[in-house]
Every structure is written in structure tokens, then in C-alpha cells.
Amino acid sequence: MPRVGLNTAKVVQEAAAIADSEGLESLTLARLASELGIRVPSLYKHINGLADLHRRLAAIANESMAEAIRGATVGRAGTDALRACCRSYREFAGRYPGRYAAAQRAPDPNDPDQAALHKLSGELTSLALNVLRSYDLVGEDSIHAARILRSAMHGFVSLEQLGGFGLPTEIEASFERLIDLLDAGLRAMAAQGSTPTT
């Protein structure tokens, strides 16, 4: 039976629930319509297809993740901020794996349909750069560092979600050591960048 008062927000909320519980690849328009008790053509009253749905999921993911990281890192700097940022990132990815997956593709800044998503993605980047600024990393060094940080976090959480860590050693300890390595590496980058050349 069709749901009363169905709107775009509820459609996206249901899509997020499916993606988080079953995986983003399981989210199809047919699957979503069935869950909502409507026919696929009725979805187009609320969304413009699967690509639009993915963009909307990415938007709520970026917004929620930015809010979580902002709350975790406010008033912190250096190693303390880095550790809070990394833990918050991992916690979000683990709690909302489908939304997290939808948010991994960088939005096209030249596509007007992705303007809002581009802005939200920029907020996440700004938060990462704020954390890195406390390491005295600026300019291109901060961009390289942000990419390294994201790659390390994405690699870890993706392997964790896929069950890729089969050895008996405690995963939590490995994650904390990863943060320690990132911290040491960022400090080394900053020191290298501040060394005068002859």
C-alpha cells in the first residue's frame, strides 16, 4: 500500500536505509519503489533517476560527516585534532556504509546539478585542512596531506567493512597505530617544508 504523505526527503531517507543495510549496489529504483509501496514511475515525482538519488545520498552523507567531524575536532589541534578527526571518520563510515559509499566520487564543479553537493564536499575538505593547518601545512603541502589522510582513512574503513582484516591482531590497535603513523608523517612533511634550501 502506498505511503501517505510521501515526499522527496522520505524517499531519500528510505534509499539511505536500504544502502546502509544492504549496500549501495543493492539500491535500485525498483528496490526502492517496492519498499515504498509505489511503482517506479512514481519515484520521478521526487527524484530524477538513480544518479540524482546517489547525489542526494552523497549530499546528506557529506553534511552529516562534516557535522560529526566538526563536533569532534572543535577546540582541538595537532595530534589531538587528527585523532578525533580519524575516529569520527571511521565511526561515520561504519555506521552509514551506504551513504559513505555514495559520497566517495568527487562532484563536478562545472555541473549545475552538483553545485550543492560540491559546496558540501568543500566543507569536508575545509575541515580536513583546518586539522592539517595545526601542523603548519599550507598551500600544496596541505592538499597533498589531505589526500594522504583521506586515502589512509578510506583504505582502512573499506577493508574493515569488507572483512579484509583476517589476522587475529586487534583491529583497534592497528587503527590507532595508523593515526600515529599519520601524525609522524605530517610532522615530517611540515619539517621538510620548513627546511631552507641552498
N, C-alpha and C. Protein backbone atom coordinates (compact mmCIF):
# COMPACT_ATOMS: atom_id res chain seq x y z
N MET A 1 0.85 -1.19 0.00
CA MET A 1 0.00 0.00 0.00
C MET A 1 0.88 1.24 0.00
N PRO A 2 0.62 2.22 -0.91
CA PRO A 2 1.46 3.42 -0.98
C PRO A 2 1.46 4.19 0.33
N ARG A 3 2.57 4.78 0.66
CA ARG A 3 2.68 5.53 1.90
C ARG A 3 2.03 6.90 1.75
N VAL A 4 1.31 7.31 2.78
CA VAL A 4 0.66 8.62 2.78
C VAL A 4 1.70 9.69 3.08
N GLY A 5 1.60 10.82 2.37
CA GLY A 5 2.50 11.94 2.63
C GLY A 5 3.92 11.72 2.16
N LEU A 6 4.08 10.90 1.14
CA LEU A 6 5.42 10.65 0.63
C LEU A 6 5.99 11.91 -0.01
N ASN A 7 7.24 12.22 0.31
CA ASN A 7 7.92 13.38 -0.28
C ASN A 7 9.37 13.02 -0.57
N THR A 8 10.09 13.96 -1.14
CA THR A 8 11.47 13.68 -1.54
C THR A 8 12.34 13.28 -0.35
N ALA A 9 12.19 13.99 0.76
CA ALA A 9 13.00 13.68 1.94
C ALA A 9 12.78 12.24 2.40
N LYS A 10 11.53 11.79 2.39
CA LYS A 10 11.23 10.43 2.82
C LYS A 10 11.75 9.40 1.83
N VAL A 11 11.70 9.74 0.54
CA VAL A 11 12.24 8.84 -0.48
C VAL A 11 13.74 8.66 -0.27
N VAL A 12 14.44 9.77 -0.06
CA VAL A 12 15.90 9.71 0.14
C VAL A 12 16.23 9.01 1.46
N GLN A 13 15.43 9.24 2.47
CA GLN A 13 15.65 8.57 3.76
C GLN A 13 15.53 7.05 3.62
N GLU A 14 14.54 6.60 2.87
CA GLU A 14 14.36 5.17 2.65
C GLU A 14 15.51 4.61 1.82
N ALA A 15 15.95 5.37 0.82
CA ALA A 15 17.08 4.95 -0.01
C ALA A 15 18.34 4.81 0.84
N ALA A 16 18.53 5.74 1.76
CA ALA A 16 19.69 5.69 2.65
C ALA A 16 19.64 4.46 3.54
N ALA A 17 18.46 4.12 4.01
CA ALA A 17 18.30 2.94 4.88
C ALA A 17 18.64 1.67 4.11
N ILE A 18 18.19 1.60 2.85
CA ILE A 18 18.50 0.42 2.03
C ILE A 18 20.00 0.34 1.77
N ALA A 19 20.59 1.46 1.38
CA ALA A 19 22.02 1.48 1.06
C ALA A 19 22.86 1.11 2.28
N ASP A 20 22.48 1.61 3.45
CA ASP A 20 23.26 1.33 4.66
C ASP A 20 23.12 -0.12 5.12
N SER A 21 21.94 -0.70 4.93
CA SER A 21 21.72 -2.06 5.43
C SER A 21 22.11 -3.14 4.42
N GLU A 22 22.00 -2.83 3.12
CA GLU A 22 22.22 -3.85 2.09
C GLU A 22 23.38 -3.54 1.14
N GLY A 23 23.90 -2.32 1.21
CA GLY A 23 24.98 -1.92 0.31
C GLY A 23 24.46 -1.02 -0.80
N LEU A 24 25.27 -0.07 -1.20
CA LEU A 24 24.86 0.89 -2.22
C LEU A 24 24.51 0.20 -3.53
N GLU A 25 25.21 -0.89 -3.86
CA GLU A 25 24.96 -1.59 -5.11
C GLU A 25 23.59 -2.26 -5.12
N SER A 26 22.99 -2.45 -3.96
CA SER A 26 21.66 -3.06 -3.88
C SER A 26 20.54 -2.03 -4.06
N LEU A 27 20.91 -0.76 -4.04
CA LEU A 27 19.91 0.29 -4.18
C LEU A 27 19.57 0.51 -5.65
N THR A 28 18.42 0.02 -6.07
CA THR A 28 17.90 0.25 -7.41
C THR A 28 16.57 0.96 -7.28
N LEU A 29 16.11 1.56 -8.36
CA LEU A 29 14.83 2.24 -8.32
C LEU A 29 13.71 1.23 -8.07
N ALA A 30 13.83 0.05 -8.64
CA ALA A 30 12.82 -0.98 -8.43
C ALA A 30 12.77 -1.40 -6.96
N ARG A 31 13.95 -1.59 -6.36
CA ARG A 31 14.02 -1.97 -4.94
C ARG A 31 13.44 -0.88 -4.06
N LEU A 32 13.76 0.36 -4.36
CA LEU A 32 13.27 1.49 -3.57
C LEU A 32 11.75 1.65 -3.71
N ALA A 33 11.27 1.56 -4.94
CA ALA A 33 9.82 1.69 -5.17
C ALA A 33 9.06 0.60 -4.43
N SER A 34 9.59 -0.61 -4.48
CA SER A 34 8.94 -1.73 -3.79
C SER A 34 8.86 -1.48 -2.29
N GLU A 35 9.95 -0.98 -1.72
CA GLU A 35 9.98 -0.70 -0.28
C GLU A 35 8.99 0.39 0.10
N LEU A 36 8.80 1.35 -0.81
CA LEU A 36 7.89 2.46 -0.55
C LEU A 36 6.44 2.13 -0.90
N GLY A 37 6.23 1.00 -1.56
CA GLY A 37 4.88 0.61 -1.93
C GLY A 37 4.32 1.40 -3.09
N ILE A 38 5.19 1.81 -4.01
CA ILE A 38 4.76 2.57 -5.18
C ILE A 38 5.39 1.95 -6.42
N ARG A 39 5.00 2.44 -7.59
CA ARG A 39 5.60 1.99 -8.84
C ARG A 39 6.79 2.88 -9.17
N VAL A 40 7.73 2.34 -9.93
CA VAL A 40 8.95 3.10 -10.28
C VAL A 40 8.63 4.46 -10.89
N PRO A 41 7.69 4.58 -11.85
CA PRO A 41 7.42 5.90 -12.43
C PRO A 41 7.03 6.96 -11.39
N SER A 42 6.42 6.51 -10.28
CA SER A 42 6.01 7.46 -9.24
C SER A 42 7.21 8.08 -8.52
N LEU A 43 8.36 7.39 -8.56
CA LEU A 43 9.57 7.94 -7.94
C LEU A 43 10.01 9.23 -8.61
N TYR A 44 9.71 9.35 -9.91
CA TYR A 44 10.17 10.52 -10.66
C TYR A 44 9.42 11.79 -10.28
N LYS A 45 8.43 11.68 -9.42
CA LYS A 45 7.80 12.88 -8.86
C LYS A 45 8.71 13.50 -7.80
N HIS A 46 9.67 12.69 -7.32
CA HIS A 46 10.52 13.11 -6.20
C HIS A 46 12.01 13.17 -6.54
N ILE A 47 12.46 12.34 -7.46
CA ILE A 47 13.87 12.30 -7.86
C ILE A 47 13.97 12.18 -9.38
N ASN A 48 15.15 12.47 -9.90
CA ASN A 48 15.38 12.40 -11.35
C ASN A 48 16.24 11.21 -11.72
N GLY A 49 15.91 10.06 -11.19
CA GLY A 49 16.64 8.86 -11.54
C GLY A 49 17.66 8.44 -10.50
N LEU A 50 18.37 7.36 -10.79
CA LEU A 50 19.32 6.77 -9.84
C LEU A 50 20.52 7.68 -9.59
N ALA A 51 21.02 8.34 -10.64
CA ALA A 51 22.17 9.24 -10.46
C ALA A 51 21.81 10.39 -9.53
N ASP A 52 20.63 10.93 -9.68
CA ASP A 52 20.17 12.01 -8.80
C ASP A 52 20.03 11.50 -7.38
N LEU A 53 19.52 10.28 -7.23
CA LEU A 53 19.39 9.69 -5.90
C LEU A 53 20.74 9.52 -5.23
N HIS A 54 21.73 9.07 -5.99
CA HIS A 54 23.08 8.92 -5.45
C HIS A 54 23.64 10.28 -5.02
N ARG A 55 23.38 11.32 -5.82
CA ARG A 55 23.86 12.66 -5.45
C ARG A 55 23.21 13.12 -4.15
N ARG A 56 21.93 12.83 -3.99
CA ARG A 56 21.23 13.23 -2.77
C ARG A 56 21.77 12.46 -1.56
N LEU A 57 22.08 11.19 -1.76
CA LEU A 57 22.68 10.41 -0.67
C LEU A 57 24.07 10.96 -0.31
N ALA A 58 24.83 11.32 -1.35
CA ALA A 58 26.16 11.89 -1.12
C ALA A 58 26.04 13.20 -0.35
N ALA A 59 25.03 13.98 -0.68
CA ALA A 59 24.85 15.28 -0.01
C ALA A 59 24.56 15.11 1.48
N ILE A 60 23.64 14.19 1.81
CA ILE A 60 23.33 14.01 3.24
C ILE A 60 24.50 13.36 3.97
N ALA A 61 25.27 12.53 3.24
CA ALA A 61 26.45 11.92 3.86
C ALA A 61 27.50 12.98 4.16
N ASN A 62 27.78 13.84 3.18
CA ASN A 62 28.79 14.88 3.39
C ASN A 62 28.38 15.84 4.51
N GLU A 63 27.09 16.18 4.53
CA GLU A 63 26.61 17.10 5.56
C GLU A 63 26.73 16.47 6.95
N SER A 64 26.31 15.22 7.06
CA SER A 64 26.35 14.53 8.36
C SER A 64 27.79 14.28 8.82
N MET A 65 28.65 13.89 7.87
CA MET A 65 30.04 13.63 8.24
C MET A 65 30.75 14.91 8.65
N ALA A 66 30.47 15.99 7.94
CA ALA A 66 31.07 17.28 8.29
C ALA A 66 30.64 17.71 9.69
N GLU A 67 29.36 17.51 9.99
CA GLU A 67 28.85 17.86 11.31
C GLU A 67 29.53 17.03 12.40
N ALA A 68 29.71 15.74 12.12
CA ALA A 68 30.34 14.85 13.11
C ALA A 68 31.80 15.22 13.33
N ILE A 69 32.53 15.46 12.25
CA ILE A 69 33.96 15.80 12.37
C ILE A 69 34.13 17.18 13.00
N ARG A 70 33.27 18.11 12.64
CA ARG A 70 33.34 19.45 13.23
C ARG A 70 33.14 19.36 14.75
N GLY A 71 32.15 18.60 15.16
CA GLY A 71 31.89 18.45 16.59
C GLY A 71 33.03 17.76 17.32
N ALA A 72 33.67 16.82 16.64
CA ALA A 72 34.75 16.05 17.28
C ALA A 72 36.04 16.86 17.39
N THR A 73 36.27 17.76 16.45
CA THR A 73 37.57 18.45 16.39
C THR A 73 37.55 19.87 16.93
N VAL A 74 36.37 20.41 17.23
CA VAL A 74 36.31 21.79 17.70
C VAL A 74 37.13 21.96 18.98
N GLY A 75 37.96 23.00 18.99
CA GLY A 75 38.79 23.29 20.14
C GLY A 75 40.03 22.42 20.27
N ARG A 76 40.27 21.56 19.27
CA ARG A 76 41.43 20.67 19.31
C ARG A 76 42.44 21.08 18.25
N ALA A 77 43.68 20.65 18.43
CA ALA A 77 44.73 20.96 17.45
C ALA A 77 45.76 19.84 17.44
N GLY A 78 46.54 19.78 16.36
CA GLY A 78 47.63 18.83 16.27
C GLY A 78 47.16 17.38 16.37
N THR A 79 47.93 16.58 17.12
CA THR A 79 47.63 15.15 17.24
C THR A 79 46.24 14.91 17.79
N ASP A 80 45.83 15.73 18.74
CA ASP A 80 44.51 15.58 19.35
C ASP A 80 43.40 15.76 18.30
N ALA A 81 43.54 16.77 17.46
CA ALA A 81 42.56 17.02 16.41
C ALA A 81 42.58 15.92 15.36
N LEU A 82 43.77 15.48 14.99
CA LEU A 82 43.90 14.41 14.00
C LEU A 82 43.23 13.14 14.49
N ARG A 83 43.50 12.79 15.73
CA ARG A 83 42.93 11.56 16.28
C ARG A 83 41.40 11.64 16.33
N ALA A 84 40.88 12.79 16.74
CA ALA A 84 39.42 12.97 16.81
C ALA A 84 38.81 12.92 15.41
N CYS A 85 39.48 13.52 14.45
CA CYS A 85 39.00 13.52 13.06
C CYS A 85 38.95 12.11 12.50
N CYS A 86 40.02 11.36 12.68
CA CYS A 86 40.10 9.99 12.15
C CYS A 86 39.08 9.07 12.80
N ARG A 87 38.92 9.18 14.09
CA ARG A 87 37.95 8.34 14.79
C ARG A 87 36.53 8.66 14.34
N SER A 88 36.25 9.94 14.17
CA SER A 88 34.92 10.36 13.73
C SER A 88 34.64 9.87 12.31
N TYR A 89 35.64 9.95 11.45
CA TYR A 89 35.52 9.48 10.07
C TYR A 89 35.18 7.99 10.05
N ARG A 90 35.94 7.23 10.81
CA ARG A 90 35.74 5.78 10.84
C ARG A 90 34.37 5.42 11.42
N GLU A 91 33.97 6.12 12.46
CA GLU A 91 32.68 5.85 13.09
C GLU A 91 31.54 6.12 12.11
N PHE A 92 31.62 7.21 11.37
CA PHE A 92 30.57 7.53 10.41
C PHE A 92 30.50 6.48 9.31
N ALA A 93 31.65 6.13 8.75
CA ALA A 93 31.69 5.14 7.67
C ALA A 93 31.15 3.80 8.13
N GLY A 94 31.42 3.44 9.37
CA GLY A 94 30.93 2.17 9.90
C GLY A 94 29.44 2.18 10.18
N ARG A 95 28.93 3.33 10.60
CA ARG A 95 27.50 3.43 10.94
C ARG A 95 26.63 3.59 9.69
N TYR A 96 27.16 4.29 8.68
CA TYR A 96 26.38 4.58 7.46
C TYR A 96 27.17 4.18 6.21
N PRO A 97 27.43 2.89 6.03
CA PRO A 97 28.29 2.46 4.92
C PRO A 97 27.75 2.78 3.53
N GLY A 98 26.44 2.72 3.35
CA GLY A 98 25.86 3.02 2.04
C GLY A 98 25.98 4.49 1.68
N ARG A 99 25.66 5.33 2.63
CA ARG A 99 25.79 6.78 2.41
C ARG A 99 27.26 7.14 2.20
N TYR A 100 28.11 6.53 3.00
CA TYR A 100 29.55 6.80 2.87
C TYR A 100 30.02 6.44 1.46
N ALA A 101 29.60 5.29 0.96
CA ALA A 101 29.99 4.86 -0.39
C ALA A 101 29.51 5.84 -1.45
N ALA A 102 28.30 6.36 -1.27
CA ALA A 102 27.75 7.30 -2.25
C ALA A 102 28.53 8.60 -2.29
N ALA A 103 29.21 8.93 -1.21
CA ALA A 103 29.90 10.22 -1.11
C ALA A 103 31.34 10.19 -1.60
N GLN A 104 31.81 9.07 -2.14
CA GLN A 104 33.23 8.96 -2.46
C GLN A 104 33.64 9.58 -3.79
N ARG A 105 32.70 9.73 -4.71
CA ARG A 105 33.04 10.34 -6.00
C ARG A 105 33.02 11.86 -5.86
N ALA A 106 34.09 12.51 -6.30
CA ALA A 106 34.16 13.97 -6.23
C ALA A 106 33.13 14.59 -7.17
N PRO A 107 32.34 15.56 -6.70
CA PRO A 107 31.34 16.19 -7.57
C PRO A 107 32.00 17.06 -8.64
N ASP A 108 31.34 17.18 -9.77
CA ASP A 108 31.83 18.00 -10.88
C ASP A 108 31.47 19.46 -10.61
N PRO A 109 32.47 20.33 -10.40
CA PRO A 109 32.17 21.73 -10.07
C PRO A 109 31.52 22.48 -11.24
N ASN A 110 31.61 21.93 -12.45
CA ASN A 110 31.03 22.58 -13.63
C ASN A 110 29.61 22.11 -13.94
N ASP A 111 29.11 21.16 -13.15
CA ASP A 111 27.77 20.65 -13.35
C ASP A 111 26.82 21.36 -12.40
N PRO A 112 25.88 22.15 -12.92
CA PRO A 112 24.96 22.90 -12.03
C PRO A 112 24.13 21.99 -11.13
N ASP A 113 23.87 20.76 -11.58
CA ASP A 113 23.10 19.82 -10.76
C ASP A 113 23.89 19.35 -9.54
N GLN A 114 25.21 19.58 -9.56
CA GLN A 114 26.05 19.12 -8.46
C GLN A 114 26.60 20.28 -7.62
N ALA A 115 26.06 21.48 -7.85
CA ALA A 115 26.57 22.66 -7.15
C ALA A 115 26.45 22.54 -5.64
N ALA A 116 25.27 22.10 -5.16
CA ALA A 116 25.07 21.98 -3.71
C ALA A 116 25.98 20.90 -3.13
N LEU A 117 26.12 19.80 -3.86
CA LEU A 117 26.99 18.71 -3.41
C LEU A 117 28.45 19.17 -3.37
N HIS A 118 28.85 19.96 -4.37
CA HIS A 118 30.22 20.48 -4.42
C HIS A 118 30.50 21.36 -3.20
N LYS A 119 29.51 22.15 -2.81
CA LYS A 119 29.67 23.02 -1.64
C LYS A 119 29.83 22.20 -0.37
N LEU A 120 28.99 21.17 -0.22
CA LEU A 120 29.07 20.32 0.96
C LEU A 120 30.39 19.56 1.01
N SER A 121 30.85 19.09 -0.14
CA SER A 121 32.13 18.39 -0.22
C SER A 121 33.26 19.34 0.18
N GLY A 122 33.13 20.60 -0.23
CA GLY A 122 34.13 21.60 0.12
C GLY A 122 34.22 21.85 1.62
N GLU A 123 33.09 21.72 2.31
CA GLU A 123 33.09 21.91 3.76
C GLU A 123 33.89 20.80 4.44
N LEU A 124 33.76 19.58 3.93
CA LEU A 124 34.55 18.47 4.48
C LEU A 124 36.03 18.70 4.26
N THR A 125 36.36 19.15 3.05
CA THR A 125 37.76 19.43 2.74
C THR A 125 38.31 20.53 3.65
N SER A 126 37.52 21.55 3.89
CA SER A 126 37.94 22.65 4.76
C SER A 126 38.22 22.17 6.18
N LEU A 127 37.38 21.24 6.65
CA LEU A 127 37.61 20.69 7.99
C LEU A 127 38.93 19.95 8.07
N ALA A 128 39.22 19.16 7.02
CA ALA A 128 40.50 18.44 6.99
C ALA A 128 41.66 19.42 6.94
N LEU A 129 41.53 20.46 6.14
CA LEU A 129 42.61 21.45 6.02
C LEU A 129 42.82 22.19 7.34
N ASN A 130 41.74 22.41 8.09
CA ASN A 130 41.87 23.05 9.40
C ASN A 130 42.69 22.18 10.35
N VAL A 131 42.44 20.88 10.31
CA VAL A 131 43.21 19.95 11.13
C VAL A 131 44.68 20.00 10.73
N LEU A 132 44.93 20.02 9.43
CA LEU A 132 46.30 20.00 8.92
C LEU A 132 47.02 21.33 9.14
N ARG A 133 46.26 22.41 9.23
CA ARG A 133 46.86 23.72 9.45
C ARG A 133 47.59 23.77 10.78
N SER A 134 47.11 23.00 11.75
CA SER A 134 47.78 22.99 13.05
C SER A 134 49.12 22.27 12.99
N TYR A 135 49.38 21.60 11.85
CA TYR A 135 50.71 21.01 11.62
C TYR A 135 51.59 21.96 10.81
N ASP A 136 51.10 23.17 10.59
CA ASP A 136 51.81 24.16 9.78
C ASP A 136 51.96 23.72 8.33
N LEU A 137 50.96 23.00 7.86
CA LEU A 137 50.94 22.59 6.45
C LEU A 137 49.98 23.50 5.70
N VAL A 138 50.50 24.19 4.70
CA VAL A 138 49.68 25.14 3.93
C VAL A 138 49.94 24.94 2.44
N GLY A 139 49.14 25.58 1.63
CA GLY A 139 49.34 25.53 0.18
C GLY A 139 49.23 24.11 -0.36
N GLU A 140 50.09 23.79 -1.32
CA GLU A 140 50.06 22.47 -1.95
C GLU A 140 50.37 21.35 -0.95
N ASP A 141 51.22 21.65 0.02
CA ASP A 141 51.53 20.63 1.03
C ASP A 141 50.28 20.19 1.77
N SER A 142 49.39 21.13 2.06
CA SER A 142 48.17 20.78 2.78
C SER A 142 47.24 19.94 1.91
N ILE A 143 47.23 20.21 0.59
CA ILE A 143 46.40 19.42 -0.33
C ILE A 143 46.92 17.99 -0.41
N HIS A 144 48.24 17.85 -0.55
CA HIS A 144 48.84 16.51 -0.57
C HIS A 144 48.53 15.77 0.73
N ALA A 145 48.67 16.49 1.85
CA ALA A 145 48.42 15.88 3.16
C ALA A 145 46.96 15.46 3.30
N ALA A 146 46.04 16.29 2.81
CA ALA A 146 44.61 15.96 2.89
C ALA A 146 44.30 14.71 2.08
N ARG A 147 44.93 14.58 0.91
CA ARG A 147 44.73 13.39 0.09
C ARG A 147 45.28 12.15 0.77
N ILE A 148 46.44 12.30 1.40
CA ILE A 148 47.06 11.18 2.12
C ILE A 148 46.16 10.74 3.28
N LEU A 149 45.66 11.72 4.02
CA LEU A 149 44.79 11.45 5.16
C LEU A 149 43.52 10.72 4.71
N ARG A 150 42.89 11.24 3.66
CA ARG A 150 41.67 10.60 3.17
C ARG A 150 41.94 9.19 2.64
N SER A 151 43.04 9.04 1.91
CA SER A 151 43.38 7.72 1.36
C SER A 151 43.60 6.70 2.47
N ALA A 152 44.29 7.12 3.51
CA ALA A 152 44.55 6.21 4.63
C ALA A 152 43.25 5.82 5.33
N MET A 153 42.39 6.80 5.58
CA MET A 153 41.13 6.52 6.27
C MET A 153 40.21 5.66 5.40
N HIS A 154 40.10 6.02 4.12
CA HIS A 154 39.21 5.27 3.22
C HIS A 154 39.70 3.83 3.05
N GLY A 155 41.00 3.68 2.91
CA GLY A 155 41.56 2.34 2.78
C GLY A 155 41.26 1.48 3.98
N PHE A 156 41.45 2.04 5.16
CA PHE A 156 41.23 1.27 6.39
C PHE A 156 39.76 0.90 6.54
N VAL A 157 38.87 1.91 6.44
CA VAL A 157 37.45 1.61 6.69
C VAL A 157 36.87 0.70 5.61
N SER A 158 37.36 0.83 4.38
CA SER A 158 36.86 -0.03 3.30
C SER A 158 37.26 -1.49 3.54
N LEU A 159 38.51 -1.70 3.90
CA LEU A 159 38.97 -3.05 4.21
C LEU A 159 38.22 -3.62 5.41
N GLU A 160 38.00 -2.78 6.39
CA GLU A 160 37.29 -3.23 7.59
C GLU A 160 35.86 -3.65 7.23
N GLN A 161 35.18 -2.85 6.41
CA GLN A 161 33.80 -3.16 6.02
C GLN A 161 33.72 -4.43 5.17
N LEU A 162 34.74 -4.67 4.37
CA LEU A 162 34.75 -5.84 3.50
C LEU A 162 35.25 -7.10 4.22
N GLY A 163 35.63 -6.96 5.48
CA GLY A 163 36.15 -8.10 6.23
C GLY A 163 37.55 -8.47 5.79
N GLY A 164 38.31 -7.45 5.40
CA GLY A 164 39.64 -7.69 4.85
C GLY A 164 40.74 -7.89 5.88
N PHE A 165 40.44 -7.70 7.16
CA PHE A 165 41.45 -7.89 8.20
C PHE A 165 41.23 -9.24 8.87
N GLY A 166 41.91 -10.27 8.39
CA GLY A 166 41.68 -11.62 8.88
C GLY A 166 42.62 -12.08 9.97
N LEU A 167 43.72 -11.39 10.16
CA LEU A 167 44.68 -11.81 11.18
C LEU A 167 44.14 -11.52 12.58
N PRO A 168 44.57 -12.29 13.58
CA PRO A 168 43.98 -12.18 14.92
C PRO A 168 44.34 -10.92 15.69
N THR A 169 45.35 -10.17 15.24
CA THR A 169 45.76 -8.97 15.98
C THR A 169 44.61 -7.96 16.03
N GLU A 170 44.46 -7.29 17.17
CA GLU A 170 43.33 -6.40 17.40
C GLU A 170 43.28 -5.25 16.38
N ILE A 171 42.14 -5.08 15.75
CA ILE A 171 41.96 -4.05 14.71
C ILE A 171 42.05 -2.65 15.32
N GLU A 172 41.51 -2.47 16.52
CA GLU A 172 41.55 -1.15 17.15
C GLU A 172 42.98 -0.68 17.32
N ALA A 173 43.85 -1.58 17.72
CA ALA A 173 45.26 -1.23 17.91
C ALA A 173 45.89 -0.84 16.58
N SER A 174 45.54 -1.55 15.53
CA SER A 174 46.07 -1.21 14.20
C SER A 174 45.61 0.19 13.78
N PHE A 175 44.35 0.50 14.04
CA PHE A 175 43.83 1.82 13.66
C PHE A 175 44.55 2.93 14.42
N GLU A 176 44.76 2.74 15.71
CA GLU A 176 45.46 3.76 16.50
C GLU A 176 46.91 3.92 16.02
N ARG A 177 47.53 2.82 15.62
CA ARG A 177 48.90 2.93 15.09
C ARG A 177 48.91 3.63 13.74
N LEU A 178 47.87 3.44 12.96
CA LEU A 178 47.77 4.16 11.69
C LEU A 178 47.73 5.66 11.95
N ILE A 179 46.95 6.08 12.94
CA ILE A 179 46.89 7.50 13.27
C ILE A 179 48.26 8.00 13.74
N ASP A 180 48.95 7.19 14.53
CA ASP A 180 50.29 7.57 14.98
C ASP A 180 51.24 7.77 13.80
N LEU A 181 51.15 6.87 12.82
CA LEU A 181 51.99 6.99 11.63
C LEU A 181 51.65 8.24 10.83
N LEU A 182 50.36 8.53 10.70
CA LEU A 182 49.94 9.74 10.00
C LEU A 182 50.46 10.98 10.73
N ASP A 183 50.35 10.97 12.04
CA ASP A 183 50.82 12.10 12.84
C ASP A 183 52.32 12.32 12.63
N ALA A 184 53.09 11.25 12.69
CA ALA A 184 54.54 11.36 12.49
C ALA A 184 54.85 11.82 11.07
N GLY A 185 54.11 11.29 10.10
CA GLY A 185 54.34 11.67 8.71
C GLY A 185 54.01 13.12 8.44
N LEU A 186 52.93 13.61 9.02
CA LEU A 186 52.54 15.01 8.84
C LEU A 186 53.58 15.93 9.46
N ARG A 187 54.08 15.54 10.61
CA ARG A 187 55.13 16.37 11.25
C ARG A 187 56.40 16.37 10.40
N ALA A 188 56.72 15.23 9.81
CA ALA A 188 57.90 15.16 8.94
C ALA A 188 57.70 16.01 7.69
N MET A 189 56.49 15.99 7.12
CA MET A 189 56.19 16.83 5.95
C MET A 189 56.37 18.30 6.28
N ALA A 190 55.86 18.69 7.46
CA ALA A 190 55.96 20.10 7.87
C ALA A 190 57.41 20.50 8.07
N ALA A 191 58.19 19.61 8.71
CA ALA A 191 59.61 19.89 8.95
C ALA A 191 60.37 20.00 7.63
N GLN A 192 60.05 19.13 6.70
CA GLN A 192 60.72 19.14 5.39
C GLN A 192 60.38 20.41 4.63
N GLY A 193 59.11 20.83 4.74
CA GLY A 193 58.69 22.04 4.04
C GLY A 193 59.29 23.29 4.61
N SER A 194 59.63 23.27 5.91
CA SER A 194 60.18 24.46 6.54
C SER A 194 61.70 24.53 6.47
N THR A 195 62.32 23.43 5.93
CA THR A 195 63.79 23.41 5.84
C THR A 195 64.25 24.29 4.69
N PRO A 196 65.08 25.28 4.93
CA PRO A 196 65.52 26.15 3.85
C PRO A 196 66.40 25.38 2.85
N THR A 197 66.26 25.70 1.58
CA THR A 197 67.07 25.05 0.55
C THR A 197 68.27 25.93 0.23
N THR A 198 69.34 25.29 -0.23
CA THR A 198 70.55 26.05 -0.55
C THR A 198 70.82 26.00 -2.04
